[in-house]
Amino acid sequence: MKNNQFSTLSIACNTLKDMGYTANFKALASKKISTNVGAKEFSPEEVKINEFHRFEGESNPADTSIVYAIEAKDGTKGLLIDSYGADSSIAIDQFIKKVTIN
């Protein structure tokens, strides 16, 4: 799938979930991400980004977000959502910089 092909974050998330990206990842202070199910933790070396999509708010161009479709080596697939630009999460930024983009 091509990057940046959806018009809204909700459409992207729903489509990606239909494609099997069902876990919700969150960044940890330990420079890993974890899932909402089973609390699995993954280092940057254990995952890859299969695609990503950026969005700007219609009323405020500074309101930006990005969703990453991530797959772990054990087959876990899920989404990691962040603000994009100056408001982005430092923990997510540090993690993403170390992840392979497919």
Protein backbone atom coordinates (compact mmCIF):
# COMPACT_ATOMS: atom_id res chain seq x y z
CA MET A 1 0.00 0.00 0.00
CA LYS A 2 1.16 3.53 -0.68
CA ASN A 3 1.88 6.02 2.09
CA ASN A 4 -0.23 9.14 2.63
CA GLN A 5 -3.29 7.93 0.73
CA PHE A 6 -6.16 8.57 3.18
CA SER A 7 -8.12 11.79 3.63
CA THR A 8 -8.69 11.43 7.40
CA LEU A 9 -7.06 9.73 10.36
CA SER A 10 -10.25 7.82 11.19
CA ILE A 11 -10.54 6.39 7.67
CA ALA A 12 -6.87 5.36 7.79
CA CYS A 13 -7.24 3.69 11.19
CA ASN A 14 -10.40 1.81 10.20
CA THR A 15 -8.87 0.62 6.91
CA LEU A 16 -5.62 -0.45 8.56
CA LYS A 17 -7.52 -2.29 11.32
CA ASP A 18 -9.44 -4.15 8.60
CA MET A 19 -6.01 -5.10 7.18
CA GLY A 20 -5.05 -6.71 10.51
CA TYR A 21 -3.36 -3.83 12.34
CA THR A 22 -5.46 -4.37 15.45
CA ALA A 23 -3.06 -3.65 18.32
CA ASN A 24 -2.76 -0.13 19.69
CA PHE A 25 0.89 0.61 20.36
CA LYS A 26 2.16 3.17 22.84
CA ALA A 27 5.69 4.43 23.38
CA LEU A 28 7.41 3.66 26.67
CA ALA A 29 10.11 5.54 28.55
CA SER A 30 12.29 2.42 28.07
CA LYS A 31 12.55 3.30 24.33
CA LYS A 32 10.25 0.43 23.39
CA ILE A 33 6.61 0.23 22.35
CA SER A 34 3.96 -1.92 23.98
CA THR A 35 0.59 -3.27 22.95
CA ASN A 36 -2.76 -2.82 24.58
CA VAL A 37 -3.28 -6.59 24.54
CA GLY A 38 -1.03 -8.82 26.59
CA ALA A 39 1.33 -5.90 27.28
CA LYS A 40 3.93 -7.17 24.82
CA GLU A 41 6.96 -4.90 24.49
CA PHE A 42 9.07 -4.44 21.36
CA SER A 43 12.38 -2.72 20.69
CA PRO A 44 12.97 -0.85 17.40
CA GLU A 45 14.92 -3.85 16.10
CA GLU A 46 11.90 -6.12 16.60
CA VAL A 47 9.48 -4.16 14.41
CA LYS A 48 9.14 -2.57 10.98
CA ILE A 49 6.93 0.18 9.63
CA ASN A 50 4.92 -1.15 6.69
CA GLU A 51 3.28 2.19 5.92
CA PHE A 52 2.51 5.59 7.41
CA HIS A 53 -0.01 8.35 6.74
CA ARG A 54 0.15 12.05 7.69
CA PHE A 55 -2.83 14.35 8.18
CA GLU A 56 -3.44 18.08 8.58
CA GLY A 57 -6.49 19.55 10.26
CA GLU A 58 -8.87 21.27 7.83
CA SER A 59 -9.44 24.28 10.06
CA ASN A 60 -5.91 24.45 11.47
CA PRO A 61 -2.91 23.36 9.36
CA ALA A 62 -0.84 23.20 12.56
CA ASP A 63 -3.13 20.38 13.77
CA THR A 64 -1.18 17.50 12.25
CA SER A 65 -0.97 13.80 13.04
CA ILE A 66 0.66 10.67 11.70
CA VAL A 67 -0.30 7.00 11.97
CA TYR A 68 2.29 4.25 11.61
CA ALA A 69 1.26 0.71 10.59
CA ILE A 70 3.75 -1.45 12.48
CA GLU A 71 4.47 -5.18 12.29
CA ALA A 72 6.56 -7.01 14.88
CA LYS A 73 8.73 -10.03 14.15
CA ASP A 74 6.31 -12.22 16.13
CA GLY A 75 3.47 -11.22 13.77
CA THR A 76 1.81 -8.64 16.01
CA LYS A 77 0.40 -5.84 13.85
CA GLY A 78 -0.86 -2.53 15.13
CA LEU A 79 -0.98 1.23 14.94
CA LEU A 80 1.07 3.94 16.60
CA ILE A 81 -0.44 7.43 16.36
CA ASP A 82 1.39 10.66 17.09
CA SER A 83 1.20 14.39 16.52
CA TYR A 84 3.43 15.48 13.67
CA GLY A 85 5.97 18.28 13.88
CA ALA A 86 6.68 20.43 16.93
CA ASP A 87 3.99 18.75 19.04
CA SER A 88 5.19 15.19 18.42
CA SER A 89 6.07 12.87 21.27
CA ILE A 90 9.79 12.75 22.02
CA ALA A 91 9.48 9.08 23.04
CA ILE A 92 7.81 8.16 19.74
CA ASP A 93 10.29 10.25 17.72
CA GLN A 94 13.25 8.49 19.34
CA PHE A 95 11.69 5.09 18.73
CA ILE A 96 10.67 5.71 15.09
CA LYS A 97 14.13 6.99 14.12
CA LYS A 98 15.49 3.51 14.88
CA VAL A 99 12.81 1.48 13.07
CA THR A 100 13.17 0.08 9.55
CA ILE A 101 10.63 1.47 7.09
CA ASN A 102 9.51 -1.24 4.68
